[in-house]
Amino acid sequence: MVRPASGELRRWDFAGIHVIDPRIFDLIEERGVFSIIDVYLRLARLGEAIRPVPFDGVWIDIGTPDRLAEADRVAAELPA
């Protein structure tokens, strides 16, 4: 969630795409298999800036063959 100047909270979706500062690798203490979300939450508690990147374009989950086919149909209709 993000707190704008007005003080209200805004929800953001996490699409699984990361834009990160390479120094994060020095801050990761977790080992083995772990969720990067847990890392982000821990770093946020320590005062590290974790910010969203707004995206106003078309976003489609392509995690299944049906969703990929739907994305193909949508992409074919987008302006070049």
PDB file of N, CA and C in Angstrom:
ATOM      1  N   MET A   1       0.843  -1.169   0.000  1.00  0.00           N
ATOM      2  CA  MET A   1       0.000   0.000   0.000  1.00  0.00           C
ATOM      3  C   MET A   1       0.889   1.233   0.000  1.00  0.00           C
ATOM      4  N   VAL A   2       0.375   2.286  -0.544  1.00  0.00           N
ATOM      5  CA  VAL A   2       1.093   3.553  -0.625  1.00  0.00           C
ATOM      6  C   VAL A   2       0.270   4.599   0.093  1.00  0.00           C
ATOM      7  N   ARG A   3       0.952   5.453   0.837  1.00  0.00           N
ATOM      8  CA  ARG A   3       0.250   6.516   1.550  1.00  0.00           C
ATOM      9  C   ARG A   3       0.540   7.836   0.820  1.00  0.00           C
ATOM     10  N   PRO A   4      -0.419   8.348   0.027  1.00  0.00           N
ATOM     11  CA  PRO A   4      -0.228   9.628  -0.648  1.00  0.00           C
ATOM     12  C   PRO A   4      -0.190  10.773   0.367  1.00  0.00           C
ATOM     13  N   ALA A   5       0.116  11.950  -0.100  1.00  0.00           N
ATOM     14  CA  ALA A   5       0.210  13.119   0.774  1.00  0.00           C
ATOM     15  C   ALA A   5      -1.067  13.326   1.581  1.00  0.00           C
ATOM     16  N   SER A   6      -2.204  12.936   1.030  1.00  0.00           N
ATOM     17  CA  SER A   6      -3.478  13.120   1.728  1.00  0.00           C
ATOM     18  C   SER A   6      -3.596  12.229   2.960  1.00  0.00           C
ATOM     19  N   GLY A   7      -2.726  11.225   3.085  1.00  0.00           N
ATOM     20  CA  GLY A   7      -2.758  10.329   4.229  1.00  0.00           C
ATOM     21  C   GLY A   7      -3.552   9.057   4.000  1.00  0.00           C
ATOM     22  N   GLU A   8      -4.357   9.013   2.945  1.00  0.00           N
ATOM     23  CA  GLU A   8      -5.137   7.805   2.671  1.00  0.00           C
ATOM     24  C   GLU A   8      -4.211   6.727   2.098  1.00  0.00           C
ATOM     25  N   LEU A   9      -4.581   5.476   2.274  1.00  0.00           N
ATOM     26  CA  LEU A   9      -3.804   4.380   1.712  1.00  0.00           C
ATOM     27  C   LEU A   9      -4.385   3.974   0.368  1.00  0.00           C
ATOM     28  N   ARG A  10      -3.500   3.643  -0.572  1.00  0.00           N
ATOM     29  CA  ARG A  10      -3.917   3.138  -1.876  1.00  0.00           C
ATOM     30  C   ARG A  10      -3.340   1.748  -2.065  1.00  0.00           C
ATOM     31  N   ARG A  11      -4.133   0.839  -2.561  1.00  0.00           N
ATOM     32  CA  ARG A  11      -3.661  -0.520  -2.826  1.00  0.00           C
ATOM     33  C   ARG A  11      -3.047  -0.592  -4.221  1.00  0.00           C
ATOM     34  N   TRP A  12      -1.996  -1.397  -4.325  1.00  0.00           N
ATOM     35  CA  TRP A  12      -1.342  -1.658  -5.599  1.00  0.00           C
ATOM     36  C   TRP A  12      -1.286  -3.165  -5.795  1.00  0.00           C
ATOM     37  N   ASP A  13      -1.373  -3.602  -7.037  1.00  0.00           N
ATOM     38  CA  ASP A  13      -1.195  -5.015  -7.353  1.00  0.00           C
ATOM     39  C   ASP A  13       0.277  -5.276  -7.620  1.00  0.00           C
ATOM     40  N   PHE A  14       0.730  -6.473  -7.300  1.00  0.00           N
ATOM     41  CA  PHE A  14       2.106  -6.869  -7.590  1.00  0.00           C
ATOM     42  C   PHE A  14       2.071  -7.826  -8.766  1.00  0.00           C
ATOM     43  N   ALA A  15       2.667  -7.411  -9.877  1.00  0.00           N
ATOM     44  CA  ALA A  15       2.611  -8.201 -11.104  1.00  0.00           C
ATOM     45  C   ALA A  15       3.792  -9.158 -11.238  1.00  0.00           C
ATOM     46  N   GLY A  16       4.685  -9.167 -10.252  1.00  0.00           N
ATOM     47  CA  GLY A  16       5.819 -10.078 -10.311  1.00  0.00           C
ATOM     48  C   GLY A  16       7.017  -9.527 -11.055  1.00  0.00           C
ATOM     49  N   ILE A  17       6.917  -8.300 -11.521  1.00  0.00           N
ATOM     50  CA  ILE A  17       8.041  -7.662 -12.206  1.00  0.00           C
ATOM     51  C   ILE A  17       8.757  -6.784 -11.193  1.00  0.00           C
ATOM     52  N   HIS A  18      10.067  -6.901 -11.140  1.00  0.00           N
ATOM     53  CA  HIS A  18      10.861  -6.172 -10.157  1.00  0.00           C
ATOM     54  C   HIS A  18      11.780  -5.174 -10.851  1.00  0.00           C
ATOM     55  N   VAL A  19      11.791  -3.960 -10.366  1.00  0.00           N
ATOM     56  CA  VAL A  19      12.779  -2.954 -10.769  1.00  0.00           C
ATOM     57  C   VAL A  19      13.534  -2.654  -9.486  1.00  0.00           C
ATOM     58  N   ILE A  20      14.762  -3.153  -9.381  1.00  0.00           N
ATOM     59  CA  ILE A  20      15.459  -3.086  -8.104  1.00  0.00           C
ATOM     60  C   ILE A  20      16.821  -2.420  -8.215  1.00  0.00           C
ATOM     61  N   ASP A  21      17.256  -1.889  -7.092  1.00  0.00           N
ATOM     62  CA  ASP A  21      18.609  -1.370  -6.943  1.00  0.00           C
ATOM     63  C   ASP A  21      19.502  -2.584  -6.663  1.00  0.00           C
ATOM     64  N   PRO A  22      20.609  -2.744  -7.376  1.00  0.00           N
ATOM     65  CA  PRO A  22      21.458  -3.926  -7.172  1.00  0.00           C
ATOM     66  C   PRO A  22      21.954  -4.103  -5.735  1.00  0.00           C
ATOM     67  N   ARG A  23      21.952  -3.046  -4.943  1.00  0.00           N
ATOM     68  CA  ARG A  23      22.445  -3.211  -3.568  1.00  0.00           C
ATOM     69  C   ARG A  23      21.508  -4.074  -2.723  1.00  0.00           C
ATOM     70  N   ILE A  24      20.320  -4.381  -3.257  1.00  0.00           N
ATOM     71  CA  ILE A  24      19.426  -5.276  -2.517  1.00  0.00           C
ATOM     72  C   ILE A  24      20.097  -6.618  -2.250  1.00  0.00           C
ATOM     73  N   PHE A  25      20.969  -7.044  -3.154  1.00  0.00           N
ATOM     74  CA  PHE A  25      21.602  -8.348  -2.994  1.00  0.00           C
ATOM     75  C   PHE A  25      22.472  -8.406  -1.744  1.00  0.00           C
ATOM     76  N   ASP A  26      23.030  -7.271  -1.347  1.00  0.00           N
ATOM     77  CA  ASP A  26      23.806  -7.212  -0.105  1.00  0.00           C
ATOM     78  C   ASP A  26      22.905  -7.192   1.127  1.00  0.00           C
ATOM     79  N   LEU A  27      21.632  -6.870   0.952  1.00  0.00           N
ATOM     80  CA  LEU A  27      20.699  -6.765   2.071  1.00  0.00           C
ATOM     81  C   LEU A  27      19.885  -8.037   2.301  1.00  0.00           C
ATOM     82  N   ILE A  28      19.946  -8.970   1.366  1.00  0.00           N
ATOM     83  CA  ILE A  28      19.182 -10.214   1.502  1.00  0.00           C
ATOM     84  C   ILE A  28      19.908 -11.147   2.461  1.00  0.00           C
ATOM     85  N   GLU A  29      19.259 -11.453   3.575  1.00  0.00           N
ATOM     86  CA  GLU A  29      19.818 -12.365   4.579  1.00  0.00           C
ATOM     87  C   GLU A  29      19.262 -13.770   4.417  1.00  0.00           C
ATOM     88  N   GLU A  30      18.104 -13.865   3.797  1.00  0.00           N
ATOM     89  CA  GLU A  30      17.423 -15.147   3.646  1.00  0.00           C
ATOM     90  C   GLU A  30      18.277 -16.094   2.791  1.00  0.00           C
ATOM     91  N   ARG A  31      18.177 -17.379   3.077  1.00  0.00           N
ATOM     92  CA  ARG A  31      18.918 -18.393   2.330  1.00  0.00           C
ATOM     93  C   ARG A  31      17.959 -19.492   1.892  1.00  0.00           C
ATOM     94  N   GLY A  32      18.365 -20.231   0.883  1.00  0.00           N
ATOM     95  CA  GLY A  32      17.529 -21.311   0.383  1.00  0.00           C
ATOM     96  C   GLY A  32      16.344 -20.748  -0.374  1.00  0.00           C
ATOM     97  N   VAL A  33      15.243 -21.458  -0.342  1.00  0.00           N
ATOM     98  CA  VAL A  33      14.022 -21.015  -1.021  1.00  0.00           C
ATOM     99  C   VAL A  33      13.284 -20.055  -0.097  1.00  0.00           C
ATOM    100  N   PHE A  34      12.931 -18.879  -0.618  1.00  0.00           N
ATOM    101  CA  PHE A  34      12.197 -17.897   0.184  1.00  0.00           C
ATOM    102  C   PHE A  34      11.398 -17.000  -0.738  1.00  0.00           C
ATOM    103  N   SER A  35      10.427 -16.321  -0.166  1.00  0.00           N
ATOM    104  CA  SER A  35       9.612 -15.375  -0.925  1.00  0.00           C
ATOM    105  C   SER A  35      10.287 -14.011  -0.926  1.00  0.00           C
ATOM    106  N   ILE A  36      10.441 -13.414  -2.091  1.00  0.00           N
ATOM    107  CA  ILE A  36      11.023 -12.074  -2.171  1.00  0.00           C
ATOM    108  C   ILE A  36      10.121 -11.056  -1.481  1.00  0.00           C
ATOM    109  N   ILE A  37       8.831 -11.356  -1.397  1.00  0.00           N
ATOM    110  CA  ILE A  37       7.908 -10.456  -0.692  1.00  0.00           C
ATOM    111  C   ILE A  37       8.318 -10.341   0.771  1.00  0.00           C
ATOM    112  N   ASP A  38       8.724 -11.464   1.385  1.00  0.00           N
ATOM    113  CA  ASP A  38       9.193 -11.415   2.775  1.00  0.00           C
ATOM    114  C   ASP A  38      10.414 -10.510   2.904  1.00  0.00           C
ATOM    115  N   VAL A  39      11.298 -10.558   1.923  1.00  0.00           N
ATOM    116  CA  VAL A  39      12.477  -9.676   1.928  1.00  0.00           C
ATOM    117  C   VAL A  39      12.028  -8.224   1.848  1.00  0.00           C
ATOM    118  N   TYR A  40      11.131  -7.926   0.922  1.00  0.00           N
ATOM    119  CA  TYR A  40      10.656  -6.549   0.773  1.00  0.00           C
ATOM    120  C   TYR A  40       9.993  -6.045   2.052  1.00  0.00           C
ATOM    121  N   LEU A  41       9.178  -6.885   2.686  1.00  0.00           N
ATOM    122  CA  LEU A  41       8.513  -6.472   3.925  1.00  0.00           C
ATOM    123  C   LEU A  41       9.527  -6.212   5.033  1.00  0.00           C
ATOM    124  N   ARG A  42      10.532  -7.075   5.151  1.00  0.00           N
ATOM    125  CA  ARG A  42      11.567  -6.876   6.173  1.00  0.00           C
ATOM    126  C   ARG A  42      12.335  -5.590   5.916  1.00  0.00           C
ATOM    127  N   LEU A  43      12.722  -5.357   4.662  1.00  0.00           N
ATOM    128  CA  LEU A  43      13.469  -4.145   4.327  1.00  0.00           C
ATOM    129  C   LEU A  43      12.627  -2.895   4.546  1.00  0.00           C
ATOM    130  N   ALA A  44      11.337  -2.976   4.259  1.00  0.00           N
ATOM    131  CA  ALA A  44      10.454  -1.827   4.500  1.00  0.00           C
ATOM    132  C   ALA A  44      10.397  -1.512   5.992  1.00  0.00           C
ATOM    133  N   ARG A  45      10.336  -2.558   6.832  1.00  0.00           N
ATOM    134  CA  ARG A  45      10.332  -2.337   8.291  1.00  0.00           C
ATOM    135  C   ARG A  45      11.624  -1.674   8.751  1.00  0.00           C
ATOM    136  N   LEU A  46      12.720  -1.914   8.025  1.00  0.00           N
ATOM    137  CA  LEU A  46      14.011  -1.307   8.364  1.00  0.00           C
ATOM    138  C   LEU A  46      14.161   0.098   7.785  1.00  0.00           C
ATOM    139  N   GLY A  47      13.141   0.554   7.069  1.00  0.00           N
ATOM    140  CA  GLY A  47      13.171   1.910   6.537  1.00  0.00           C
ATOM    141  C   GLY A  47      13.619   2.029   5.094  1.00  0.00           C
ATOM    142  N   GLU A  48      13.873   0.894   4.439  1.00  0.00           N
ATOM    143  CA  GLU A  48      14.239   0.937   3.020  1.00  0.00           C
ATOM    144  C   GLU A  48      13.005   1.329   2.203  1.00  0.00           C
ATOM    145  N   ALA A  49      13.221   2.088   1.156  1.00  0.00           N
ATOM    146  CA  ALA A  49      12.115   2.539   0.302  1.00  0.00           C
ATOM    147  C   ALA A  49      11.709   1.409  -0.646  1.00  0.00           C
ATOM    148  N   ILE A  50      10.475   0.978  -0.530  1.00  0.00           N
ATOM    149  CA  ILE A  50       9.889  -0.016  -1.435  1.00  0.00           C
ATOM    150  C   ILE A  50       8.742   0.707  -2.130  1.00  0.00           C
ATOM    151  N   ARG A  51       8.905   0.954  -3.416  1.00  0.00           N
ATOM    152  CA  ARG A  51       7.927   1.788  -4.119  1.00  0.00           C
ATOM    153  C   ARG A  51       7.312   1.050  -5.307  1.00  0.00           C
ATOM    154  N   PRO A  52       6.073   1.376  -5.621  1.00  0.00           N
ATOM    155  CA  PRO A  52       5.449   0.803  -6.818  1.00  0.00           C
ATOM    156  C   PRO A  52       5.899   1.552  -8.068  1.00  0.00           C
ATOM    157  N   VAL A  53       5.763   0.900  -9.186  1.00  0.00           N
ATOM    158  CA  VAL A  53       5.988   1.541 -10.481  1.00  0.00           C
ATOM    159  C   VAL A  53       4.644   1.522 -11.202  1.00  0.00           C
ATOM    160  N   PRO A  54       3.986   2.678 -11.316  1.00  0.00           N
ATOM    161  CA  PRO A  54       2.679   2.710 -11.983  1.00  0.00           C
ATOM    162  C   PRO A  54       2.782   2.263 -13.445  1.00  0.00           C
ATOM    163  N   PHE A  55       1.793   1.523 -13.885  1.00  0.00           N
ATOM    164  CA  PHE A  55       1.725   1.063 -15.268  1.00  0.00           C
ATOM    165  C   PHE A  55       0.291   1.212 -15.734  1.00  0.00           C
ATOM    166  N   ASP A  56       0.091   1.996 -16.773  1.00  0.00           N
ATOM    167  CA  ASP A  56      -1.258   2.260 -17.266  1.00  0.00           C
ATOM    168  C   ASP A  56      -1.589   1.491 -18.538  1.00  0.00           C
ATOM    169  N   GLY A  57      -0.693   0.632 -18.974  1.00  0.00           N
ATOM    170  CA  GLY A  57      -0.921  -0.105 -20.204  1.00  0.00           C
ATOM    171  C   GLY A  57      -1.745  -1.361 -19.978  1.00  0.00           C
ATOM    172  N   VAL A  58      -1.760  -2.205 -20.975  1.00  0.00           N
ATOM    173  CA  VAL A  58      -2.499  -3.466 -20.916  1.00  0.00           C
ATOM    174  C   VAL A  58      -1.626  -4.506 -20.219  1.00  0.00           C
ATOM    175  N   TRP A  59      -2.200  -5.181 -19.239  1.00  0.00           N
ATOM    176  CA  TRP A  59      -1.488  -6.239 -18.528  1.00  0.00           C
ATOM    177  C   TRP A  59      -2.390  -7.463 -18.480  1.00  0.00           C
ATOM    178  N   ILE A  60      -1.874  -8.595 -18.947  1.00  0.00           N
ATOM    179  CA  ILE A  60      -2.667  -9.821 -18.973  1.00  0.00           C
ATOM    180  C   ILE A  60      -1.829 -10.964 -18.417  1.00  0.00           C
ATOM    181  N   ASP A  61      -2.389 -11.714 -17.490  1.00  0.00           N
ATOM    182  CA  ASP A  61      -1.746 -12.909 -16.952  1.00  0.00           C
ATOM    183  C   ASP A  61      -1.728 -13.965 -18.057  1.00  0.00           C
ATOM    184  N   ILE A  62      -0.558 -14.507 -18.374  1.00  0.00           N
ATOM    185  CA  ILE A  62      -0.458 -15.533 -19.422  1.00  0.00           C
ATOM    186  C   ILE A  62       0.002 -16.866 -18.823  1.00  0.00           C
ATOM    187  N   GLY A  63      -0.437 -17.130 -17.600  1.00  0.00           N
ATOM    188  CA  GLY A  63       0.008 -18.318 -16.884  1.00  0.00           C
ATOM    189  C   GLY A  63      -0.624 -19.630 -17.307  1.00  0.00           C
ATOM    190  N   THR A  64      -1.582 -19.591 -18.206  1.00  0.00           N
ATOM    191  CA  THR A  64      -2.190 -20.828 -18.711  1.00  0.00           C
ATOM    192  C   THR A  64      -2.313 -20.703 -20.229  1.00  0.00           C
ATOM    193  N   PRO A  65      -2.440 -21.824 -20.936  1.00  0.00           N
ATOM    194  CA  PRO A  65      -2.620 -21.749 -22.388  1.00  0.00           C
ATOM    195  C   PRO A  65      -3.836 -20.907 -22.792  1.00  0.00           C
ATOM    196  N   ASP A  66      -4.937 -21.020 -22.045  1.00  0.00           N
ATOM    197  CA  ASP A  66      -6.132 -20.226 -22.374  1.00  0.00           C
ATOM    198  C   ASP A  66      -5.862 -18.734 -22.206  1.00  0.00           C
ATOM    199  N   ARG A  67      -5.161 -18.373 -21.139  1.00  0.00           N
ATOM    200  CA  ARG A  67      -4.853 -16.957 -20.922  1.00  0.00           C
ATOM    201  C   ARG A  67      -3.886 -16.438 -21.981  1.00  0.00           C
ATOM    202  N   LEU A  68      -2.946 -17.279 -22.393  1.00  0.00           N
ATOM    203  CA  LEU A  68      -2.024 -16.881 -23.456  1.00  0.00           C
ATOM    204  C   LEU A  68      -2.780 -16.658 -24.762  1.00  0.00           C
ATOM    205  N   ALA A  69      -3.721 -17.533 -25.068  1.00  0.00           N
ATOM    206  CA  ALA A  69      -4.535 -17.365 -26.278  1.00  0.00           C
ATOM    207  C   ALA A  69      -5.339 -16.074 -26.203  1.00  0.00           C
ATOM    208  N   GLU A  70      -5.897 -15.779 -25.029  1.00  0.00           N
ATOM    209  CA  GLU A  70      -6.643 -14.528 -24.853  1.00  0.00           C
ATOM    210  C   GLU A  70      -5.717 -13.330 -25.041  1.00  0.00           C
ATOM    211  N   ALA A  71      -4.503 -13.410 -24.528  1.00  0.00           N
ATOM    212  CA  ALA A  71      -3.542 -12.315 -24.695  1.00  0.00           C
ATOM    213  C   ALA A  71      -3.213 -12.110 -26.168  1.00  0.00           C
ATOM    214  N   ASP A  72      -3.097 -13.198 -26.924  1.00  0.00           N
ATOM    215  CA  ASP A  72      -2.863 -13.086 -28.369  1.00  0.00           C
ATOM    216  C   ASP A  72      -4.007 -12.344 -29.043  1.00  0.00           C
ATOM    217  N   ARG A  73      -5.244 -12.672 -28.651  1.00  0.00           N
ATOM    218  CA  ARG A  73      -6.404 -11.997 -29.248  1.00  0.00           C
ATOM    219  C   ARG A  73      -6.401 -10.503 -28.898  1.00  0.00           C
ATOM    220  N   VAL A  74      -6.127 -10.191 -27.637  1.00  0.00           N
ATOM    221  CA  VAL A  74      -6.103  -8.789 -27.205  1.00  0.00           C
ATOM    222  C   VAL A  74      -4.987  -8.036 -27.923  1.00  0.00           C
ATOM    223  N   ALA A  75      -3.806  -8.636 -28.003  1.00  0.00           N
ATOM    224  CA  ALA A  75      -2.669  -7.976 -28.649  1.00  0.00           C
ATOM    225  C   ALA A  75      -2.949  -7.695 -30.119  1.00  0.00           C
ATOM    226  N   ALA A  76      -3.663  -8.599 -30.774  1.00  0.00           N
ATOM    227  CA  ALA A  76      -3.980  -8.407 -32.191  1.00  0.00           C
ATOM    228  C   ALA A  76      -4.895  -7.207 -32.402  1.00  0.00           C
ATOM    229  N   GLU A  77      -5.648  -6.825 -31.373  1.00  0.00           N
ATOM    230  CA  GLU A  77      -6.578  -5.698 -31.493  1.00  0.00           C
ATOM    231  C   GLU A  77      -5.960  -4.366 -31.070  1.00  0.00           C
ATOM    232  N   LEU A  78      -4.768  -4.393 -30.482  1.00  0.00           N
ATOM    233  CA  LEU A  78      -4.131  -3.147 -30.036  1.00  0.00           C
ATOM    234  C   LEU A  78      -3.601  -2.361 -31.224  1.00  0.00           C
ATOM    235  N   PRO A  79      -3.621  -1.026 -31.134  1.00  0.00           N
ATOM    236  CA  PRO A  79      -3.032  -0.235 -32.217  1.00  0.00           C
ATOM    237  C   PRO A  79      -1.528  -0.479 -32.295  1.00  0.00           C
ATOM    238  N   ALA A  80      -1.011  -0.416 -33.497  1.00  0.00           N
ATOM    239  CA  ALA A  80       0.428  -0.674 -33.711  1.00  0.00           C
ATOM    240  C   ALA A  80       1.285   0.418 -33.128  1.00  0.00           C
TER     241      ALA A  80
END
